[in-house]
Protein backbone atom coordinates (compact mmCIF):
# COMPACT_ATOMS: atom_id res chain seq x y z
CA MET A 1 -50.45 2.64 27.02
CA ALA A 2 -47.78 0.73 28.93
CA ILE A 3 -44.58 -0.20 27.16
CA GLY A 4 -43.67 -3.86 27.49
CA ARG A 5 -40.34 -5.07 28.85
CA GLU A 6 -39.26 -6.39 25.43
CA SER A 7 -39.95 -3.01 23.77
CA VAL A 8 -37.92 -1.20 26.43
CA GLU A 9 -35.00 -3.58 25.94
CA ASN A 10 -35.12 -3.03 22.18
CA MET A 11 -35.16 0.74 22.65
CA LEU A 12 -32.15 0.54 24.94
CA LYS A 13 -30.27 -1.54 22.38
CA LEU A 14 -30.96 1.02 19.65
CA ASN A 15 -29.89 3.95 21.82
CA ASN A 16 -26.85 2.25 23.35
CA PRO A 17 -25.34 -0.03 20.69
CA LYS A 18 -22.15 -1.94 21.55
CA TRP A 19 -20.82 -1.55 18.02
CA LYS A 20 -21.43 1.04 15.31
CA THR A 21 -20.78 0.67 11.57
CA SER A 22 -22.03 2.34 8.42
CA ILE A 23 -20.54 -0.27 6.10
CA THR A 24 -22.75 -3.37 6.19
CA ARG A 25 -26.00 -4.13 8.00
CA ILE A 26 -26.63 -7.78 8.86
CA GLU A 27 -30.15 -9.02 9.55
CA PRO A 28 -31.69 -12.48 9.28
CA ASN A 29 -31.63 -13.37 5.56
CA ASN A 30 -30.57 -9.84 4.65
CA ILE A 31 -27.13 -8.29 3.94
CA VAL A 32 -27.01 -4.60 2.99
CA THR A 33 -23.68 -2.95 2.11
CA ARG A 34 -23.56 0.83 1.85
CA GLY A 35 -27.30 0.82 1.18
CA TYR A 36 -27.26 -1.91 -1.47
CA PRO A 37 -28.47 -5.50 -0.92
CA GLN A 38 -25.42 -7.64 -1.61
CA GLU A 39 -27.35 -10.07 -3.80
CA GLU A 40 -28.11 -7.16 -6.13
CA LEU A 41 -24.42 -6.24 -6.33
CA ILE A 42 -23.28 -9.79 -7.14
CA GLY A 43 -22.84 -10.19 -10.88
CA ARG A 44 -23.55 -6.51 -11.54
CA ILE A 45 -20.46 -4.69 -10.29
CA SER A 46 -16.76 -5.54 -10.56
CA PHE A 47 -14.43 -6.29 -7.67
CA PRO A 48 -12.71 -2.86 -7.94
CA GLU A 49 -16.14 -1.22 -7.85
CA MET A 50 -16.96 -3.16 -4.70
CA VAL A 51 -13.65 -2.04 -3.17
CA TYR A 52 -14.46 1.57 -4.04
CA LEU A 53 -17.97 1.24 -2.60
CA LEU A 54 -16.69 -0.22 0.67
CA ILE A 55 -13.98 2.40 1.17
CA LYS A 56 -15.64 5.52 -0.23
CA GLY A 57 -19.26 4.71 0.56
CA GLN A 58 -20.54 5.17 -2.98
CA LEU A 59 -20.29 3.48 -6.35
CA PRO A 60 -17.55 4.89 -8.60
CA SER A 61 -17.96 6.52 -11.98
CA ASN A 62 -16.84 4.47 -14.98
CA SER A 63 -13.60 6.44 -15.08
CA ASP A 64 -12.84 5.89 -11.40
CA SER A 65 -13.75 2.22 -11.73
CA ASN A 66 -11.39 1.75 -14.70
CA MET A 67 -8.64 3.61 -12.89
CA LEU A 68 -8.92 1.65 -9.64
CA GLU A 69 -8.92 -1.61 -11.57
CA SER A 70 -5.69 -0.58 -13.32
CA ILE A 71 -4.13 0.42 -9.99
CA LEU A 72 -4.92 -2.92 -8.37
CA VAL A 73 -3.57 -4.82 -11.39
CA SER A 74 -0.38 -2.75 -11.33
CA PHE A 75 0.43 -4.01 -7.82
CA CYS A 76 -0.25 -7.69 -8.56
CA ASP A 77 3.30 -9.11 -8.43
CA HIS A 78 7.00 -8.35 -8.73
CA GLY A 79 8.42 -11.84 -8.86
CA VAL A 80 10.49 -13.24 -6.01
CA THR A 81 12.34 -9.94 -5.49
CA PRO A 82 10.19 -8.44 -2.67
CA PRO A 83 10.89 -9.52 0.93
CA SER A 84 7.18 -10.23 1.46
CA THR A 85 7.14 -12.83 -1.32
CA GLN A 86 10.34 -14.42 -0.03
CA VAL A 87 8.92 -14.60 3.49
CA ALA A 88 5.69 -16.19 2.26
CA ARG A 89 7.57 -18.77 0.17
CA LEU A 90 9.98 -19.65 2.97
CA MET A 91 7.03 -20.21 5.30
CA ALA A 92 5.36 -22.35 2.64
CA SER A 93 8.49 -24.49 2.42
CA THR A 94 8.16 -25.28 6.14
CA GLY A 95 4.64 -26.63 5.69
CA THR A 96 2.82 -23.62 7.09
CA SER A 97 -0.82 -23.25 6.04
CA MET A 98 -1.85 -20.95 3.21
CA ASN A 99 -3.33 -18.35 5.57
CA GLY A 100 -0.20 -18.46 7.73
CA CYS A 101 2.08 -17.94 4.73
CA VAL A 102 -0.01 -15.08 3.37
CA SER A 103 -0.16 -13.47 6.81
CA GLY A 104 3.62 -13.70 7.09
CA GLY A 105 4.04 -12.03 3.72
CA ILE A 106 1.65 -9.21 4.58
CA LEU A 107 3.18 -8.71 8.02
CA SER A 108 6.55 -8.12 6.37
CA PHE A 109 5.24 -4.95 4.75
CA GLY A 110 6.92 -1.96 6.34
CA LYS A 111 8.42 1.45 5.77
CA HIS A 112 10.99 0.13 3.29
CA HIS A 113 8.68 -2.34 1.49
CA ALA A 114 5.08 -1.49 0.59
CA GLY A 115 5.22 1.66 2.68
CA ALA A 116 6.36 4.01 -0.08
CA LEU A 117 2.86 4.42 -1.53
CA GLU A 118 1.43 5.66 1.74
CA LEU A 119 4.41 7.92 2.43
CA SER A 120 4.27 9.38 -1.05
CA MET A 121 0.52 10.00 -0.77
CA LYS A 122 1.01 11.74 2.57
CA ILE A 123 3.74 14.02 1.20
CA LEU A 124 1.68 15.02 -1.84
CA GLN A 125 -1.51 15.56 0.15
CA ASP A 126 0.24 17.54 2.89
CA ILE A 127 1.84 19.84 0.33
CA VAL A 128 -1.35 20.39 -1.66
CA GLU A 129 -3.52 20.96 1.43
CA ASN A 130 -1.11 22.85 3.67
CA GLY A 131 1.57 24.13 1.33
CA ILE A 132 5.23 24.37 2.32
CA ILE A 133 7.41 27.19 3.61
CA GLY A 134 6.83 30.14 1.34
CA TYR A 135 3.79 28.57 -0.33
CA CYS A 136 0.53 28.79 1.55
CA GLY A 137 -2.88 27.72 0.38
CA PRO A 138 -3.84 25.50 -2.56
CA LEU A 139 -1.51 25.16 -5.53
CA GLY A 140 -2.82 26.92 -8.59
CA SER A 141 -0.96 27.33 -11.85
CA GLN A 142 1.55 25.02 -13.47
CA HIS A 143 4.19 27.63 -12.59
CA ASP A 144 3.29 27.30 -8.90
CA ILE A 145 3.56 23.52 -9.09
CA ARG A 146 7.01 23.68 -10.63
CA GLU A 147 8.26 26.10 -7.97
CA VAL A 148 6.91 23.95 -5.16
CA ALA A 149 8.39 20.81 -6.73
CA GLU A 150 11.81 22.47 -6.82
CA VAL A 151 11.57 23.32 -3.11
CA VAL A 152 10.52 19.76 -2.27
CA VAL A 153 13.37 18.19 -4.25
CA ASP A 154 15.93 20.59 -2.76
CA GLU A 155 14.72 19.82 0.76
CA PHE A 156 15.06 16.06 0.33
CA ILE A 157 18.42 16.32 -1.42
CA ASN A 158 19.80 18.67 1.24
CA ASN A 159 18.74 16.17 3.91
CA ASN A 160 20.30 13.33 1.92
CA GLU A 161 16.93 11.58 1.72
CA LYS A 162 15.18 9.80 -1.11
CA ILE A 163 11.71 10.97 -2.09
CA PRO A 164 9.22 8.09 -1.69
CA GLY A 165 7.74 7.10 -5.03
CA PHE A 166 10.81 7.84 -7.13
CA GLY A 167 13.60 5.52 -8.22
CA HIS A 168 13.63 1.71 -8.24
CA ARG A 169 16.10 -0.97 -7.22
CA TYR A 170 15.60 -2.99 -10.40
CA HIS A 171 14.31 -0.55 -13.00
CA SER A 172 15.88 2.64 -14.31
CA GLU A 173 12.37 3.35 -15.65
CA ASP A 174 9.44 1.54 -14.04
CA PRO A 175 7.27 0.50 -17.02
CA ARG A 176 4.13 0.45 -14.87
CA ALA A 177 4.36 4.13 -13.89
CA ALA A 178 4.18 5.53 -17.42
CA LYS A 179 1.27 3.24 -18.29
CA LEU A 180 -0.67 4.30 -15.19
CA ILE A 181 -0.19 7.98 -16.02
CA GLU A 182 -1.43 7.30 -19.55
CA ILE A 183 -4.54 5.52 -18.25
CA ALA A 184 -5.14 8.27 -15.69
CA ASP A 185 -4.98 10.85 -18.45
CA ASP A 186 -7.45 8.86 -20.57
CA ASN A 187 -9.87 8.62 -17.64
CA GLY A 188 -9.57 12.22 -16.49
CA CYS A 189 -7.96 11.20 -13.18
CA ILE A 190 -4.97 13.53 -13.32
CA GLY A 191 -5.25 16.43 -10.91
CA ILE A 192 -3.06 18.62 -8.75
CA HIS A 193 -1.40 15.73 -6.86
CA THR A 194 -0.35 13.86 -9.98
CA LYS A 195 0.83 17.09 -11.62
CA LEU A 196 3.00 17.75 -8.57
CA ALA A 197 4.42 14.21 -8.75
CA LEU A 198 5.17 14.67 -12.46
CA ALA A 199 6.90 17.99 -11.75
CA ILE A 200 9.05 16.32 -9.09
CA GLU A 201 9.91 13.56 -11.55
CA GLU A 202 10.96 16.08 -14.20
CA ILE A 203 13.35 17.79 -11.80
CA LEU A 204 14.75 14.53 -10.42
CA PHE A 205 15.33 13.15 -13.89
CA ASP A 206 17.10 16.31 -15.04
CA THR A 207 19.34 16.41 -11.97
CA LYS A 208 19.83 12.76 -11.03
CA GLY A 209 18.41 10.63 -13.83
CA VAL A 210 15.73 9.31 -11.44
CA LYS A 211 12.20 8.60 -12.66
CA MET A 212 8.88 8.02 -10.96
CA ASN A 213 8.04 4.47 -9.91
CA ILE A 214 4.71 2.70 -9.51
CA ASP A 215 4.22 4.10 -6.00
CA GLY A 216 4.77 7.69 -7.08
CA ALA A 217 2.34 7.35 -9.97
CA ASN A 218 -0.33 5.67 -7.87
CA ALA A 219 0.21 8.11 -5.00
CA GLY A 220 -0.69 11.02 -7.23
CA ILE A 221 -3.59 9.25 -8.92
CA LEU A 222 -5.16 7.84 -5.75
CA SER A 223 -4.85 11.26 -4.10
CA ASP A 224 -6.58 12.90 -7.06
CA MET A 225 -9.33 10.26 -6.79
CA GLY A 226 -9.96 11.41 -3.23
CA PHE A 227 -8.37 8.55 -1.28
CA ASP A 228 -6.79 9.56 2.01
CA TRP A 229 -3.11 8.72 2.39
CA SER A 230 -3.82 6.42 5.35
CA ILE A 231 -5.45 3.88 3.01
CA GLY A 232 -2.35 3.59 0.81
CA THR A 233 -0.84 0.40 2.24
CA GLY A 234 -4.29 -1.16 2.30
CA VAL A 235 -4.74 -0.57 -1.43
CA PHE A 236 -1.30 -2.05 -2.07
CA MET A 237 -2.24 -5.12 0.00
CA MET A 238 -5.39 -5.70 -2.03
CA GLY A 239 -3.41 -5.58 -5.26
CA ARG A 240 -0.49 -7.73 -4.07
CA LEU A 241 -2.53 -10.44 -2.32
CA PRO A 242 -3.16 -12.59 -5.45
CA GLY A 243 0.56 -12.57 -6.23
CA ILE A 244 1.51 -13.73 -2.74
CA ILE A 245 -1.10 -16.50 -2.87
CA SER A 246 0.25 -17.63 -6.25
CA HIS A 247 3.81 -17.79 -4.92
CA VAL A 248 2.74 -19.79 -1.87
CA LEU A 249 0.91 -22.25 -4.12
CA GLU A 250 3.90 -22.56 -6.45
CA GLU A 251 6.27 -23.17 -3.53
CA LYS A 252 4.03 -25.86 -2.09
CA THR A 253 3.44 -27.66 -5.39
CA HIS A 254 6.70 -27.23 -7.33
CA GLU A 255 9.50 -27.03 -4.74
CA ASN A 256 10.92 -29.44 -2.19
CA PRO A 257 9.99 -28.78 1.44
CA PHE A 258 12.38 -26.93 3.76
CA ARG A 259 13.96 -24.80 1.03
CA LYS A 260 17.75 -24.62 1.16
CA LEU A 261 18.96 -21.13 0.32
CA PHE A 262 22.71 -21.55 0.75
CA ASP A 263 25.49 -23.90 1.85
CA LEU A 264 27.32 -23.61 5.16
CA ASP A 265 30.49 -22.33 3.48
CA GLU A 266 28.48 -19.37 2.16
CA ILE A 267 27.84 -18.14 5.72
CA HIS A 268 30.54 -15.86 7.10
CA TYR A 269 30.76 -15.63 10.88
CA HIS A 270 32.65 -12.71 12.36
CA GLU A 271 33.14 -11.58 15.93
CA THR A 272 32.26 -8.03 16.86
CA ASP A 273 34.72 -5.80 18.65
CA GLU A 274 32.80 -6.33 21.88
CA VAL A 275 33.32 -10.09 21.82
CA LYS A 276 36.34 -11.14 23.86
CA THR A 277 37.87 -14.56 23.62
CA VAL A 278 37.72 -15.78 27.20
CA SER A 279 37.69 -19.38 28.33
CA LEU A 280 34.48 -20.72 29.78
CA GLU A 281 36.35 -21.70 32.96
CA LYS A 282 37.54 -18.13 33.44
CA LEU A 283 34.04 -16.75 33.00
CA LEU A 284 32.59 -19.20 35.48
CA GLU A 285 35.26 -18.32 38.02
CA ASN A 286 34.23 -14.67 37.96
CA LYS A 287 30.58 -15.44 38.71
């Protein structure tokens, strides 16, 4: 039986697709995400459960769902203190669109703002999976964890570096961190990564009075939930997005356009050592 031209073309499309994805299948009048018709998910699962399903490929347990929801809420907002919020509000004051302002805020995330979660997750996961000098293989007993934590703290201190996930510019004790650990304990989400983070906190507090912040707590918890460190900033973005949108809306509706941050006499201009006071005429003569 001869195969028609249309059948051959369809076979070629199936065998040589231009784009591959295992997340969502789109067909006429049909949307299937991770094996579930989206209309069946609507109204039956929460937003955090949908996030978990998209990233992990399966629906979470009740404990994981509760934990992820708490994590996303913990990131929601930190007032006008973060650079990302300030950037978004300044853009809003110029008349930029909502999507432009939000994009500006998100694009301001970097190593020193919003990047600590990912860095902290990577450190914890690398140590647990690969060990450190003198400690090979998976971490076992509480005694092992304490010893490894001491080595980690010593290494960072000796290099005059701060450990991502510990300490805060505004809080001597981040109230969100302790609450997250409590919720993680209630939901059975504390594993080797969080125990390592807690051991590091104990040593840092005893030696420097530094406690774990929200990033350190969530780094341990997300790692114990099986999230790869590379998704860290993405999870932070999902949690912080509503806060940025709220600030943009507030700026547009409650503040005057073209926000004035300071007066001219508050700006100090100083010449660098490289700048030489030479007349314009003299410079032009030498050209």
